[in-house]
């Protein structure tokens, strides 16, 4: 049988160990060994003891945050990372409660948390790979915007920029689509790598005769997820080709890439007509929330550039006023970013449940 269809007759506990072991071996910040990554440092009850000035209740997330600041990410990228880590922290603390209550016996939720953290590491260049960090900016005239890391994307982006078919606002929107597409590729690669190493664990520990009779619902589910993600990636590239060549039409239902993806998935899910209409209305509210967040991101970037300029002049009073404004914008951007990503997570879960019910 093909390698991807092989499954296991191991007892459930051993099967879980096999699945989680390769996951836990991916980047260092995840699989801590005592010290700052020990259980004592990361249990929810440690929140009251956290040091002043720390951003997160979990020590390993504070370590990632400090590492990110040393990488000199842009203020917008740092705000985005902050939101992702807040979501990760919320989910991990909730999982710890579930674990205490014995509600994650098969380890599926734990494996998902590990996978999500791996995606964050890859997305922000925190996994040790030099080419992993994505280029993000709201300033369309920066040369770094051409560094998409994929010749196909760079060619499409260059064509769109020089076509004269896009206003500056439309180019900004198109750039967000390119970044969203690259994020989807990164997430797919993390999932593929995780699954491949899990399967290698099976092959190393099981005999060929055992492998012929194995069937793991978890592996089958991950293969299904891989296929869905690959289909979404192919559809996304087709859309980028079409928009880059033709420009934006006036009949588009939604404009934000994440909302477009959700709407496409919802239309093929097991929603009734009334549920689909309700979901469409909620997506409109969600898109408005994203636009507000994008506005604050732009203002944060402008404030950052202005602060750097003022600091070079050296007027203490002027610097203080600009720094105060920058800090307020930074906090507001973080707050909105968290709300957007939490809302996205909730909407994605609803669509996923509807699609699974259909199957």
Protein backbone atom coordinates (compact mmCIF):
# COMPACT_ATOMS: atom_id res chain seq x y z
CA UNK A 1 0.00 0.00 0.00
CA UNK A 2 1.21 3.60 -0.60
CA UNK A 3 3.06 5.04 2.32
CA UNK A 4 0.42 7.71 3.07
CA UNK A 5 -2.28 5.11 3.47
CA UNK A 6 -0.50 3.00 6.04
CA UNK A 7 -2.04 2.84 9.50
CA UNK A 8 -1.45 1.23 13.00
CA UNK A 9 -2.86 -1.51 15.26
CA UNK A 10 -0.89 -0.25 18.27
CA UNK A 11 -2.88 0.36 21.46
CA UNK A 12 -4.38 3.83 21.62
CA UNK A 13 -1.83 5.20 24.14
CA UNK A 14 1.15 4.01 22.09
CA UNK A 15 -0.43 5.45 18.97
CA UNK A 16 -0.75 8.84 20.67
CA UNK A 17 2.90 8.77 21.74
CA UNK A 18 3.93 8.02 18.17
CA UNK A 19 1.89 10.94 16.84
CA UNK A 20 3.00 13.48 19.43
CA UNK A 21 6.70 12.57 19.65
CA UNK A 22 7.67 13.93 16.21
CA UNK A 23 5.55 17.01 16.83
CA UNK A 24 7.36 17.73 20.06
CA UNK A 25 10.75 17.53 18.35
CA UNK A 26 10.17 20.55 16.11
CA UNK A 27 11.78 23.83 17.09
CA UNK A 28 13.44 24.24 20.46
CA UNK A 29 11.05 26.77 22.01
CA UNK A 30 8.26 24.16 21.96
CA UNK A 31 9.88 21.16 23.56
CA UNK A 32 11.47 22.74 26.60
CA UNK A 33 13.39 20.62 29.04
CA UNK A 34 12.99 22.01 32.51
CA UNK A 35 14.08 25.48 33.58
CA UNK A 36 12.15 28.23 31.79
CA UNK A 37 10.06 25.68 29.91
CA UNK A 38 9.22 23.46 32.87
CA UNK A 39 5.68 22.70 34.00
CA UNK A 40 6.14 24.88 37.08
CA UNK A 41 6.88 27.89 34.86
CA UNK A 42 3.87 27.38 32.62
CA UNK A 43 0.98 26.27 34.83
CA UNK A 44 -1.95 28.72 34.98
CA UNK A 45 -1.51 29.27 38.71
CA UNK A 46 1.90 30.83 38.01
CA UNK A 47 0.17 33.89 36.53
CA UNK A 48 0.07 35.66 39.90
CA UNK A 49 3.84 35.26 40.26
CA UNK A 50 4.79 36.62 36.84
CA UNK A 51 7.35 39.37 36.89
CA UNK A 52 6.43 42.99 36.27
CA UNK A 53 6.73 43.96 32.60
CA UNK A 54 6.22 40.46 31.22
CA UNK A 55 3.75 40.29 28.34
CA UNK A 56 2.43 36.77 28.86
CA UNK A 57 1.48 34.42 31.66
CA UNK A 58 3.46 31.55 30.12
CA UNK A 59 7.23 31.75 30.30
CA UNK A 60 7.88 30.06 26.95
CA UNK A 61 5.75 32.69 25.21
CA UNK A 62 7.67 35.48 26.94
CA UNK A 63 10.85 33.88 25.63
CA UNK A 64 9.47 33.89 22.07
CA UNK A 65 8.35 37.51 22.46
CA UNK A 66 11.81 38.62 23.61
CA UNK A 67 13.42 36.72 20.75
CA UNK A 68 11.09 38.42 18.26
CA UNK A 69 12.03 41.87 19.60
CA UNK A 70 15.69 41.02 19.11
CA UNK A 71 14.95 40.23 15.45
CA UNK A 72 13.89 43.87 14.93
CA UNK A 73 10.54 43.05 13.41
CA UNK A 74 8.47 46.03 12.33
CA UNK A 75 5.94 47.43 14.85
CA UNK A 76 3.08 46.03 12.76
CA UNK A 77 4.66 42.56 12.66
CA UNK A 78 5.29 42.65 16.41
CA UNK A 79 1.68 43.64 17.04
CA UNK A 80 0.53 40.75 14.83
CA UNK A 81 2.80 38.32 16.67
CA UNK A 82 1.52 39.63 20.00
CA UNK A 83 -2.06 38.82 18.94
CA UNK A 84 -1.08 35.33 17.77
CA UNK A 85 0.73 34.60 21.03
CA UNK A 86 -2.23 35.87 23.09
CA UNK A 87 -4.53 33.48 21.21
CA UNK A 88 -2.01 30.65 21.70
CA UNK A 89 -1.77 31.41 25.42
CA UNK A 90 -5.55 31.46 25.84
CA UNK A 91 -5.87 28.11 24.05
CA UNK A 92 -3.03 26.49 26.00
CA UNK A 93 -4.38 27.62 29.37
CA UNK A 94 -7.84 26.36 28.43
CA UNK A 95 -6.30 23.05 27.37
CA UNK A 96 -4.53 22.71 30.73
CA UNK A 97 -7.91 22.92 32.45
CA UNK A 98 -9.33 20.31 30.10
CA UNK A 99 -6.37 18.04 30.75
CA UNK A 100 -6.89 18.26 34.52
CA UNK A 101 -10.51 17.26 33.96
CA UNK A 102 -9.43 14.35 31.75
CA UNK A 103 -11.14 15.74 28.63
CA UNK A 104 -8.24 15.33 26.17
CA UNK A 105 -7.40 11.67 26.66
CA UNK A 106 -6.49 11.07 23.02
CA UNK A 107 -4.19 14.11 22.93
CA UNK A 108 -5.82 15.58 19.82
CA UNK A 109 -6.17 19.09 21.28
CA UNK A 110 -2.58 19.03 22.54
CA UNK A 111 -1.30 18.02 19.10
CA UNK A 112 -3.28 20.88 17.54
CA UNK A 113 -1.74 23.37 19.98
CA UNK A 114 1.75 22.16 19.12
CA UNK A 115 0.97 22.46 15.42
CA UNK A 116 -0.39 26.01 15.89
CA UNK A 117 2.73 27.10 17.73
CA UNK A 118 4.90 25.63 14.96
CA UNK A 119 2.96 27.72 12.44
CA UNK A 120 3.57 30.88 14.49
CA UNK A 121 7.30 30.10 14.69
CA UNK A 122 7.49 29.65 10.92
CA UNK A 123 5.37 32.71 10.14
CA UNK A 124 7.54 35.13 12.12
CA UNK A 125 10.96 33.59 11.49
CA UNK A 126 11.30 32.25 15.03
CA UNK A 127 12.03 28.66 14.00
CA UNK A 128 15.68 29.24 13.17
CA UNK A 129 15.22 29.15 9.41
CA UNK A 130 16.68 32.21 7.74
CA UNK A 131 14.21 32.14 4.87
CA UNK A 132 11.15 31.62 7.05
CA UNK A 133 10.47 35.21 8.05
CA UNK A 134 7.89 36.79 5.81
CA UNK A 135 8.18 40.35 4.58
CA UNK A 136 5.27 42.45 5.81
CA UNK A 137 4.80 46.15 5.33
CA UNK A 138 2.02 48.62 4.70
CA UNK A 139 4.29 50.97 2.76
CA UNK A 140 3.84 50.08 -0.90
CA UNK A 141 6.92 51.91 -2.10
CA UNK A 142 9.39 49.79 -0.12
CA UNK A 143 11.71 47.59 -2.18
CA UNK A 144 11.28 44.76 0.34
CA UNK A 145 7.76 44.22 -0.92
CA UNK A 146 9.19 42.42 -3.95
CA UNK A 147 10.77 39.77 -1.72
CA UNK A 148 7.95 37.25 -1.72
CA UNK A 149 10.32 34.30 -1.90
CA UNK A 150 8.46 32.72 -4.82
CA UNK A 151 9.29 33.67 -8.44
CA UNK A 152 5.66 33.11 -9.50
CA UNK A 153 4.37 35.53 -6.88
CA UNK A 154 7.07 38.10 -7.56
CA UNK A 155 6.28 38.03 -11.29
CA UNK A 156 2.54 38.48 -10.64
CA UNK A 157 3.16 41.29 -8.16
CA UNK A 158 5.48 43.13 -10.56
CA UNK A 159 2.91 42.78 -13.35
CA UNK A 160 0.16 44.19 -11.14
CA UNK A 161 2.31 47.12 -9.95
CA UNK A 162 3.25 48.16 -13.47
CA UNK A 163 -0.11 47.50 -15.16
CA UNK A 164 -1.75 50.79 -14.21
CA UNK A 165 -4.97 48.91 -13.40
CA UNK A 166 -4.76 49.43 -9.64
CA UNK A 167 -5.14 52.44 -7.40
CA UNK A 168 -2.79 52.69 -4.40
CA UNK A 169 -5.60 51.36 -2.16
CA UNK A 170 -6.17 48.41 -4.49
CA UNK A 171 -2.44 47.65 -4.58
CA UNK A 172 -2.46 47.66 -0.80
CA UNK A 173 -5.37 45.21 -0.81
CA UNK A 174 -3.68 43.01 -3.42
CA UNK A 175 -0.47 42.96 -1.38
CA UNK A 176 -2.42 41.65 1.60
CA UNK A 177 -3.75 38.88 -0.64
CA UNK A 178 -0.20 37.91 -1.62
CA UNK A 179 0.86 37.81 2.04
CA UNK A 180 -2.19 35.78 3.01
CA UNK A 181 -1.42 33.32 0.22
CA UNK A 182 2.17 32.92 1.43
CA UNK A 183 0.96 32.33 4.99
CA UNK A 184 -1.26 29.52 3.72
CA UNK A 185 1.73 27.90 2.01
CA UNK A 186 3.76 28.13 5.23
CA UNK A 187 0.98 26.53 7.26
CA UNK A 188 0.63 23.76 4.70
CA UNK A 189 4.38 23.05 4.80
CA UNK A 190 4.39 22.89 8.60
CA UNK A 191 1.48 20.42 8.57
CA UNK A 192 3.10 18.33 5.81
CA UNK A 193 6.42 18.19 7.68
CA UNK A 194 4.69 17.23 10.92
CA UNK A 195 2.69 14.47 9.27
CA UNK A 196 5.70 13.11 7.38
CA UNK A 197 7.74 12.76 10.57
CA UNK A 198 4.81 11.12 12.36
CA UNK A 199 4.59 8.54 9.59
CA UNK A 200 8.34 7.95 9.73
CA UNK A 201 7.87 7.15 13.41
CA UNK A 202 5.38 4.46 12.45
CA UNK A 203 7.71 2.93 9.87
CA UNK A 204 10.65 2.85 12.27
CA UNK A 205 8.71 1.09 15.04
CA UNK A 206 6.37 -1.20 13.12
CA UNK A 207 6.97 -4.21 10.92
CA UNK A 208 5.64 -4.21 7.32
CA UNK A 209 3.02 -6.80 8.27
CA UNK A 210 1.73 -4.56 11.07
CA UNK A 211 1.65 -1.53 8.76
CA UNK A 212 -0.58 -3.37 6.29
CA UNK A 213 -3.41 -3.58 8.85
CA UNK A 214 -3.13 -0.18 10.54
CA UNK A 215 -5.86 2.43 10.40
CA UNK A 216 -5.49 5.69 12.32
CA UNK A 217 -8.39 8.13 12.30
CA UNK A 218 -5.97 10.87 13.33
CA UNK A 219 -3.67 10.32 10.34
CA UNK A 220 -6.60 10.06 7.94
CA UNK A 221 -7.97 13.34 9.33
CA UNK A 222 -4.60 15.05 8.83
CA UNK A 223 -4.39 13.79 5.24
CA UNK A 224 -7.86 15.19 4.62
CA UNK A 225 -6.80 18.52 6.09
CA UNK A 226 -3.73 18.54 3.84
CA UNK A 227 -5.89 18.00 0.76
CA UNK A 228 -8.24 20.84 1.79
CA UNK A 229 -5.33 23.19 2.35
CA UNK A 230 -3.71 22.27 -0.97
CA UNK A 231 -7.00 22.84 -2.77
CA UNK A 232 -7.28 26.25 -1.10
CA UNK A 233 -3.70 27.11 -2.10
CA UNK A 234 -4.37 26.23 -5.75
CA UNK A 235 -7.57 28.25 -5.75
CA UNK A 236 -5.71 31.16 -4.14
CA UNK A 237 -3.02 31.14 -6.84
CA UNK A 238 -5.66 31.08 -9.57
CA UNK A 239 -7.33 34.08 -7.97
CA UNK A 240 -4.02 36.01 -7.70
CA UNK A 241 -3.32 35.32 -11.38
CA UNK A 242 -6.78 36.54 -12.38
CA UNK A 243 -6.74 39.70 -10.26
CA UNK A 244 -3.13 40.57 -11.19
CA UNK A 245 -4.02 40.43 -14.89
CA UNK A 246 -7.53 41.90 -14.84
CA UNK A 247 -7.71 44.12 -11.78
CA UNK A 248 -10.52 44.15 -9.24
CA UNK A 249 -14.09 43.92 -10.45
CA UNK A 250 -16.93 45.97 -9.01
CA UNK A 251 -19.09 42.93 -8.20
CA UNK A 252 -16.82 41.36 -5.57
CA UNK A 253 -18.76 40.07 -2.55
CA UNK A 254 -15.87 40.69 -0.13
CA UNK A 255 -12.47 42.32 -0.34
CA UNK A 256 -10.36 40.94 2.53
CA UNK A 257 -8.49 37.68 1.69
CA UNK A 258 -9.42 35.91 4.93
CA UNK A 259 -13.09 36.81 4.48
CA UNK A 260 -13.05 35.66 0.85
CA UNK A 261 -11.63 32.28 1.96
CA UNK A 262 -14.27 31.89 4.67
CA UNK A 263 -17.09 32.75 2.27
CA UNK A 264 -15.84 30.26 -0.33
CA UNK A 265 -15.70 27.53 2.33
CA UNK A 266 -19.11 28.45 3.74
CA UNK A 267 -20.77 28.14 0.34
CA UNK A 268 -19.61 24.54 0.04
CA UNK A 269 -20.44 23.66 3.68
CA UNK A 270 -23.60 22.07 5.07
CA UNK A 271 -25.38 25.35 5.86
CA UNK A 272 -29.07 25.93 5.29
CA UNK A 273 -30.02 28.95 3.19
CA UNK A 274 -30.92 30.88 6.32
CA UNK A 275 -27.67 29.92 8.07
CA UNK A 276 -25.64 30.92 5.02
CA UNK A 277 -27.32 34.32 4.86
CA UNK A 278 -26.65 34.83 8.58
CA UNK A 279 -23.02 33.84 8.06
CA UNK A 280 -22.72 36.33 5.17
CA UNK A 281 -23.94 39.15 7.43
CA UNK A 282 -21.46 38.16 10.13
CA UNK A 283 -18.66 38.16 7.55
CA UNK A 284 -19.57 41.73 6.65
CA UNK A 285 -19.16 42.76 10.30
CA UNK A 286 -15.91 40.80 10.47
CA UNK A 287 -14.58 42.53 7.36
CA UNK A 288 -15.36 45.93 8.90
CA UNK A 289 -13.42 44.87 11.99
CA UNK A 290 -10.45 43.88 9.81
CA UNK A 291 -10.56 47.24 7.98
CA UNK A 292 -10.47 49.07 11.31
CA UNK A 293 -7.49 46.96 12.37
CA UNK A 294 -5.72 47.68 9.06
CA UNK A 295 -6.28 51.41 9.64
CA UNK A 296 -4.63 51.25 13.05
CA UNK A 297 -1.75 49.22 11.62
CA UNK A 298 -1.07 51.96 9.08
CA UNK A 299 -1.27 54.66 11.75
CA UNK A 300 1.14 52.66 13.93
CA UNK A 301 3.66 52.42 11.09
CA UNK A 302 3.40 56.17 10.41
CA UNK A 303 3.78 56.93 14.13
CA UNK A 304 6.85 54.68 14.29
CA UNK A 305 8.53 56.48 11.39
CA UNK A 306 7.71 59.86 12.91
CA UNK A 307 9.06 58.79 16.30
CA UNK A 308 12.34 57.67 14.73
CA UNK A 309 12.62 61.04 12.97
CA UNK A 310 11.91 63.00 16.16
CA UNK A 311 14.42 60.91 18.14
CA UNK A 312 17.10 61.82 15.63
CA UNK A 313 16.41 65.53 16.27
CA UNK A 314 16.77 65.11 20.04
CA UNK A 315 14.02 67.35 21.47
CA UNK A 316 13.05 65.59 24.75
CA UNK A 317 9.56 67.12 25.00
CA UNK A 318 8.77 66.36 21.35
CA UNK A 319 10.09 62.82 21.74
CA UNK A 320 7.97 62.26 24.86
CA UNK A 321 4.75 63.37 23.13
CA UNK A 322 5.38 61.20 20.08
CA UNK A 323 6.37 58.21 22.19
CA UNK A 324 3.15 58.51 24.20
CA UNK A 325 1.08 58.59 21.01
CA UNK A 326 3.03 55.63 19.61
CA UNK A 327 2.46 53.53 22.75
CA UNK A 328 -1.30 54.24 22.66
CA UNK A 329 -1.50 53.25 18.99
CA UNK A 330 0.56 50.13 19.67
CA UNK A 331 -1.78 48.99 22.46
CA UNK A 332 -4.88 49.69 20.37
CA UNK A 333 -3.43 47.77 17.43
CA UNK A 334 -2.62 44.80 19.66
CA UNK A 335 -6.13 44.85 21.16
CA UNK A 336 -7.83 44.98 17.74
CA UNK A 337 -5.49 42.34 16.38
CA UNK A 338 -6.45 39.96 19.17
CA UNK A 339 -10.17 40.56 18.56
CA UNK A 340 -9.78 40.00 14.81
CA UNK A 341 -7.89 36.74 15.24
CA UNK A 342 -10.26 35.46 17.91
CA UNK A 343 -13.23 36.24 15.64
CA UNK A 344 -11.45 34.54 12.73
CA UNK A 345 -10.84 31.46 14.85
CA UNK A 346 -14.52 31.31 15.85
CA UNK A 347 -15.76 31.71 12.26
CA UNK A 348 -13.30 29.13 10.94
CA UNK A 349 -14.44 26.62 13.58
CA UNK A 350 -18.08 27.11 12.58
CA UNK A 351 -17.32 26.51 8.90
CA UNK A 352 -15.16 23.50 9.74
CA UNK A 353 -17.89 21.91 11.85
CA UNK A 354 -20.44 22.47 9.08
CA UNK A 355 -18.15 20.90 6.49
CA UNK A 356 -17.45 17.88 8.70
CA UNK A 357 -21.15 17.39 9.38
CA UNK A 358 -21.65 17.25 5.64
CA UNK A 359 -19.08 14.48 5.37
